[in-house]
Amino acid sequence: MDMLDLDRLALHRLFFEESEEGLTTMEESLVALEQTPGDTDALHSLFRAAHTLKGNAQSLGFTELAALTHGLEDVLDRLRSGALVLTREVIDLLLECVDALRTMLTEAKG
């Protein structure tokens, strides 16, 4: 194994660690929004975590993960702008997306 392979392994390890942290942040933010739907800090935190995950996944070639996260980010952007109202159904859908992202990350790890 050469140095480039070692660098790539280290980068992937860091990506998976940061992604897990991001998903935890997303879940915590969704719980906060469930309790206080107008919590703009939680909504912004959720958006930032999704945005970071999308960018990192895209840069490492995890295109399906990036695509799902991009869709999630679009919904969150609509919530932030007021074009979409946060309802129980929307929260459930967002939690399902986080679960799907976690599954995709597990599969990507191999």
N, C-alpha and C. Protein backbone atom coordinates (compact mmCIF):
# COMPACT_ATOMS: atom_id res chain seq x y z
N MET A 1 0.85 -1.17 0.00
CA MET A 1 0.00 0.00 0.00
C MET A 1 0.90 1.24 0.00
N ASP A 2 0.63 2.15 -0.94
CA ASP A 2 1.47 3.34 -1.01
C ASP A 2 0.86 4.50 -0.20
N MET A 3 1.57 5.60 -0.19
CA MET A 3 1.16 6.75 0.61
C MET A 3 -0.19 7.30 0.17
N LEU A 4 -0.46 7.30 -1.13
CA LEU A 4 -1.74 7.80 -1.64
C LEU A 4 -2.90 6.96 -1.12
N ASP A 5 -2.73 5.65 -1.08
CA ASP A 5 -3.75 4.76 -0.54
C ASP A 5 -3.98 5.03 0.95
N LEU A 6 -2.90 5.25 1.68
CA LEU A 6 -3.02 5.55 3.12
C LEU A 6 -3.74 6.87 3.34
N ASP A 7 -3.42 7.87 2.51
CA ASP A 7 -4.10 9.16 2.62
C ASP A 7 -5.58 9.02 2.34
N ARG A 8 -5.92 8.23 1.32
CA ARG A 8 -7.33 8.04 0.96
C ARG A 8 -8.07 7.30 2.08
N LEU A 9 -7.44 6.30 2.68
CA LEU A 9 -8.06 5.59 3.79
C LEU A 9 -8.30 6.52 4.98
N ALA A 10 -7.33 7.36 5.27
CA ALA A 10 -7.47 8.32 6.37
C ALA A 10 -8.59 9.32 6.08
N LEU A 11 -8.67 9.77 4.84
CA LEU A 11 -9.71 10.70 4.43
C LEU A 11 -11.09 10.06 4.55
N HIS A 12 -11.22 8.82 4.12
CA HIS A 12 -12.49 8.11 4.23
C HIS A 12 -12.88 7.90 5.70
N ARG A 13 -11.92 7.54 6.52
CA ARG A 13 -12.19 7.35 7.96
C ARG A 13 -12.71 8.65 8.57
N LEU A 14 -12.06 9.75 8.25
CA LEU A 14 -12.48 11.06 8.75
C LEU A 14 -13.88 11.41 8.23
N PHE A 15 -14.13 11.13 6.95
CA PHE A 15 -15.45 11.39 6.37
C PHE A 15 -16.54 10.62 7.12
N PHE A 16 -16.31 9.34 7.39
CA PHE A 16 -17.32 8.54 8.07
C PHE A 16 -17.54 9.02 9.50
N GLU A 17 -16.47 9.38 10.18
CA GLU A 17 -16.60 9.90 11.56
C GLU A 17 -17.39 11.21 11.57
N GLU A 18 -17.02 12.13 10.69
CA GLU A 18 -17.70 13.42 10.64
C GLU A 18 -19.15 13.27 10.19
N SER A 19 -19.40 12.34 9.30
CA SER A 19 -20.76 12.10 8.82
C SER A 19 -21.65 11.57 9.94
N GLU A 20 -21.11 10.67 10.75
CA GLU A 20 -21.88 10.16 11.89
C GLU A 20 -22.20 11.29 12.86
N GLU A 21 -21.22 12.15 13.11
CA GLU A 21 -21.45 13.30 13.99
C GLU A 21 -22.53 14.21 13.39
N GLY A 22 -22.46 14.43 12.08
CA GLY A 22 -23.45 15.26 11.40
C GLY A 22 -24.85 14.68 11.48
N LEU A 23 -24.96 13.37 11.33
CA LEU A 23 -26.27 12.72 11.43
C LEU A 23 -26.83 12.83 12.84
N THR A 24 -25.96 12.72 13.83
CA THR A 24 -26.39 12.90 15.22
C THR A 24 -26.88 14.33 15.44
N THR A 25 -26.16 15.29 14.91
CA THR A 25 -26.59 16.69 15.00
C THR A 25 -27.94 16.87 14.32
N MET A 26 -28.13 16.24 13.17
CA MET A 26 -29.39 16.35 12.45
C MET A 26 -30.54 15.78 13.28
N GLU A 27 -30.32 14.62 13.88
CA GLU A 27 -31.37 14.01 14.72
C GLU A 27 -31.68 14.90 15.93
N GLU A 28 -30.66 15.40 16.58
CA GLU A 28 -30.87 16.27 17.75
C GLU A 28 -31.62 17.54 17.35
N SER A 29 -31.29 18.09 16.20
CA SER A 29 -31.97 19.29 15.71
C SER A 29 -33.43 19.00 15.39
N LEU A 30 -33.70 17.84 14.83
CA LEU A 30 -35.08 17.47 14.53
C LEU A 30 -35.89 17.29 15.81
N VAL A 31 -35.30 16.70 16.82
CA VAL A 31 -35.98 16.56 18.11
C VAL A 31 -36.28 17.95 18.69
N ALA A 32 -35.31 18.86 18.59
CA ALA A 32 -35.52 20.23 19.07
C ALA A 32 -36.65 20.90 18.30
N LEU A 33 -36.70 20.68 16.99
CA LEU A 33 -37.76 21.27 16.17
C LEU A 33 -39.13 20.65 16.47
N GLU A 34 -39.13 19.37 16.83
CA GLU A 34 -40.37 18.72 17.23
C GLU A 34 -40.95 19.42 18.46
N GLN A 35 -40.07 19.74 19.41
CA GLN A 35 -40.50 20.36 20.66
C GLN A 35 -40.79 21.85 20.49
N THR A 36 -40.01 22.51 19.64
CA THR A 36 -40.17 23.95 19.41
C THR A 36 -40.05 24.21 17.91
N PRO A 37 -41.16 24.10 17.16
CA PRO A 37 -41.11 24.23 15.70
C PRO A 37 -40.49 25.53 15.18
N GLY A 38 -40.51 26.60 15.96
CA GLY A 38 -39.94 27.86 15.52
C GLY A 38 -38.48 28.06 15.87
N ASP A 39 -37.80 27.00 16.29
CA ASP A 39 -36.40 27.09 16.72
C ASP A 39 -35.49 27.26 15.50
N THR A 40 -35.20 28.52 15.16
CA THR A 40 -34.40 28.76 13.95
C THR A 40 -32.96 28.28 14.11
N ASP A 41 -32.43 28.30 15.34
CA ASP A 41 -31.07 27.79 15.55
C ASP A 41 -30.99 26.31 15.20
N ALA A 42 -31.99 25.54 15.63
CA ALA A 42 -32.01 24.11 15.32
C ALA A 42 -32.14 23.88 13.82
N LEU A 43 -32.97 24.68 13.17
CA LEU A 43 -33.15 24.54 11.72
C LEU A 43 -31.86 24.88 10.98
N HIS A 44 -31.17 25.92 11.40
CA HIS A 44 -29.90 26.29 10.76
C HIS A 44 -28.83 25.23 11.02
N SER A 45 -28.81 24.69 12.21
CA SER A 45 -27.85 23.63 12.55
C SER A 45 -28.11 22.39 11.69
N LEU A 46 -29.37 22.06 11.51
CA LEU A 46 -29.76 20.93 10.67
C LEU A 46 -29.33 21.16 9.23
N PHE A 47 -29.57 22.36 8.72
CA PHE A 47 -29.19 22.69 7.35
C PHE A 47 -27.67 22.61 7.17
N ARG A 48 -26.92 23.19 8.12
CA ARG A 48 -25.45 23.16 8.02
C ARG A 48 -24.91 21.74 8.01
N ALA A 49 -25.47 20.88 8.86
CA ALA A 49 -25.02 19.48 8.90
C ALA A 49 -25.29 18.79 7.57
N ALA A 50 -26.48 19.03 7.01
CA ALA A 50 -26.82 18.43 5.71
C ALA A 50 -25.92 18.98 4.61
N HIS A 51 -25.69 20.27 4.63
CA HIS A 51 -24.85 20.90 3.61
C HIS A 51 -23.42 20.36 3.64
N THR A 52 -22.88 20.21 4.84
CA THR A 52 -21.53 19.67 5.00
C THR A 52 -21.46 18.23 4.52
N LEU A 53 -22.44 17.42 4.91
CA LEU A 53 -22.47 16.02 4.48
C LEU A 53 -22.55 15.92 2.97
N LYS A 54 -23.41 16.74 2.37
CA LYS A 54 -23.55 16.72 0.91
C LYS A 54 -22.23 17.04 0.23
N GLY A 55 -21.59 18.12 0.65
CA GLY A 55 -20.34 18.53 0.03
C GLY A 55 -19.24 17.50 0.18
N ASN A 56 -19.12 16.96 1.38
CA ASN A 56 -18.08 15.96 1.63
C ASN A 56 -18.34 14.68 0.83
N ALA A 57 -19.60 14.25 0.80
CA ALA A 57 -19.94 13.04 0.04
C ALA A 57 -19.66 13.24 -1.45
N GLN A 58 -20.02 14.42 -1.94
CA GLN A 58 -19.81 14.73 -3.35
C GLN A 58 -18.32 14.72 -3.68
N SER A 59 -17.52 15.33 -2.82
CA SER A 59 -16.08 15.43 -3.11
C SER A 59 -15.38 14.08 -3.08
N LEU A 60 -15.96 13.11 -2.37
CA LEU A 60 -15.35 11.78 -2.30
C LEU A 60 -16.00 10.77 -3.25
N GLY A 61 -16.95 11.24 -4.05
CA GLY A 61 -17.55 10.36 -5.05
C GLY A 61 -18.71 9.51 -4.57
N PHE A 62 -19.26 9.82 -3.41
CA PHE A 62 -20.44 9.10 -2.91
C PHE A 62 -21.68 9.80 -3.47
N THR A 63 -21.94 9.58 -4.77
CA THR A 63 -22.94 10.36 -5.49
C THR A 63 -24.37 10.12 -5.00
N GLU A 64 -24.71 8.89 -4.66
CA GLU A 64 -26.07 8.62 -4.18
C GLU A 64 -26.31 9.29 -2.83
N LEU A 65 -25.34 9.22 -1.97
CA LEU A 65 -25.42 9.87 -0.67
C LEU A 65 -25.54 11.38 -0.85
N ALA A 66 -24.76 11.94 -1.74
CA ALA A 66 -24.81 13.37 -2.02
C ALA A 66 -26.16 13.76 -2.61
N ALA A 67 -26.70 12.93 -3.47
CA ALA A 67 -27.99 13.25 -4.11
C ALA A 67 -29.13 13.27 -3.08
N LEU A 68 -29.17 12.29 -2.19
CA LEU A 68 -30.21 12.27 -1.17
C LEU A 68 -30.05 13.47 -0.23
N THR A 69 -28.84 13.76 0.14
CA THR A 69 -28.59 14.88 1.03
C THR A 69 -28.94 16.20 0.35
N HIS A 70 -28.72 16.28 -0.95
CA HIS A 70 -29.09 17.49 -1.70
C HIS A 70 -30.61 17.69 -1.65
N GLY A 71 -31.36 16.61 -1.82
CA GLY A 71 -32.82 16.70 -1.72
C GLY A 71 -33.26 17.14 -0.33
N LEU A 72 -32.62 16.59 0.68
CA LEU A 72 -32.90 16.96 2.07
C LEU A 72 -32.59 18.44 2.28
N GLU A 73 -31.48 18.87 1.75
CA GLU A 73 -31.07 20.27 1.87
C GLU A 73 -32.09 21.20 1.20
N ASP A 74 -32.64 20.78 0.06
CA ASP A 74 -33.67 21.58 -0.62
C ASP A 74 -34.91 21.76 0.26
N VAL A 75 -35.35 20.67 0.92
CA VAL A 75 -36.50 20.75 1.82
C VAL A 75 -36.19 21.70 2.97
N LEU A 76 -35.00 21.56 3.54
CA LEU A 76 -34.61 22.42 4.66
C LEU A 76 -34.53 23.88 4.24
N ASP A 77 -34.07 24.14 3.03
CA ASP A 77 -34.01 25.50 2.53
C ASP A 77 -35.42 26.08 2.39
N ARG A 78 -36.36 25.27 1.95
CA ARG A 78 -37.76 25.72 1.84
C ARG A 78 -38.33 26.01 3.22
N LEU A 79 -37.95 25.22 4.22
CA LEU A 79 -38.39 25.49 5.59
C LEU A 79 -37.80 26.80 6.09
N ARG A 80 -36.54 27.02 5.80
CA ARG A 80 -35.87 28.25 6.25
C ARG A 80 -36.48 29.49 5.62
N SER A 81 -36.89 29.38 4.37
CA SER A 81 -37.45 30.54 3.67
C SER A 81 -38.93 30.75 3.97
N GLY A 82 -39.55 29.76 4.62
CA GLY A 82 -40.98 29.87 4.91
C GLY A 82 -41.87 29.35 3.79
N ALA A 83 -41.28 28.83 2.73
CA ALA A 83 -42.07 28.29 1.62
C ALA A 83 -42.73 26.96 2.00
N LEU A 84 -42.23 26.33 3.04
CA LEU A 84 -42.78 25.06 3.53
C LEU A 84 -42.97 25.19 5.03
N VAL A 85 -44.09 24.68 5.51
CA VAL A 85 -44.40 24.73 6.94
C VAL A 85 -43.96 23.42 7.58
N LEU A 86 -43.35 23.54 8.75
CA LEU A 86 -42.88 22.36 9.48
C LEU A 86 -44.08 21.69 10.16
N THR A 87 -44.37 20.49 9.71
CA THR A 87 -45.47 19.71 10.27
C THR A 87 -44.91 18.39 10.80
N ARG A 88 -45.74 17.65 11.47
CA ARG A 88 -45.35 16.32 11.97
C ARG A 88 -44.91 15.43 10.80
N GLU A 89 -45.62 15.52 9.68
CA GLU A 89 -45.29 14.71 8.50
C GLU A 89 -43.92 15.08 7.94
N VAL A 90 -43.63 16.38 7.92
CA VAL A 90 -42.33 16.82 7.42
C VAL A 90 -41.22 16.33 8.34
N ILE A 91 -41.42 16.44 9.64
CA ILE A 91 -40.42 15.94 10.60
C ILE A 91 -40.21 14.45 10.41
N ASP A 92 -41.30 13.70 10.27
CA ASP A 92 -41.18 12.25 10.05
C ASP A 92 -40.39 11.95 8.78
N LEU A 93 -40.67 12.69 7.72
CA LEU A 93 -39.95 12.50 6.46
C LEU A 93 -38.47 12.81 6.62
N LEU A 94 -38.15 13.88 7.33
CA LEU A 94 -36.76 14.25 7.55
C LEU A 94 -36.04 13.19 8.39
N LEU A 95 -36.72 12.65 9.39
CA LEU A 95 -36.12 11.58 10.20
C LEU A 95 -35.89 10.33 9.35
N GLU A 96 -36.81 10.04 8.45
CA GLU A 96 -36.62 8.90 7.54
C GLU A 96 -35.41 9.12 6.64
N CYS A 97 -35.22 10.35 6.20
CA CYS A 97 -34.05 10.67 5.37
C CYS A 97 -32.77 10.46 6.15
N VAL A 98 -32.75 10.90 7.41
CA VAL A 98 -31.56 10.71 8.24
C VAL A 98 -31.28 9.21 8.42
N ASP A 99 -32.33 8.42 8.65
CA ASP A 99 -32.16 6.96 8.76
C ASP A 99 -31.60 6.38 7.46
N ALA A 100 -32.12 6.83 6.33
CA ALA A 100 -31.64 6.34 5.03
C ALA A 100 -30.18 6.74 4.81
N LEU A 101 -29.83 7.95 5.20
CA LEU A 101 -28.43 8.38 5.07
C LEU A 101 -27.51 7.53 5.94
N ARG A 102 -27.97 7.22 7.14
CA ARG A 102 -27.16 6.38 8.04
C ARG A 102 -26.96 4.99 7.41
N THR A 103 -28.00 4.44 6.83
CA THR A 103 -27.91 3.14 6.16
C THR A 103 -26.94 3.21 4.98
N MET A 104 -27.04 4.28 4.21
CA MET A 104 -26.14 4.45 3.06
C MET A 104 -24.69 4.57 3.51
N LEU A 105 -24.46 5.27 4.61
CA LEU A 105 -23.10 5.40 5.13
C LEU A 105 -22.55 4.04 5.57
N THR A 106 -23.39 3.28 6.25
CA THR A 106 -22.98 1.94 6.70
C THR A 106 -22.61 1.07 5.51
N GLU A 107 -23.42 1.13 4.46
CA GLU A 107 -23.15 0.34 3.26
C GLU A 107 -21.88 0.83 2.56
N ALA A 108 -21.66 2.13 2.55
CA ALA A 108 -20.47 2.69 1.90
C ALA A 108 -19.18 2.29 2.62
N LYS A 109 -19.29 2.11 3.93
CA LYS A 109 -18.11 1.66 4.69
C LYS A 109 -17.67 0.27 4.27
N GLY A 110 -18.65 -0.53 3.85
CA GLY A 110 -18.33 -1.88 3.41
C GLY A 110 -18.33 -2.83 4.48
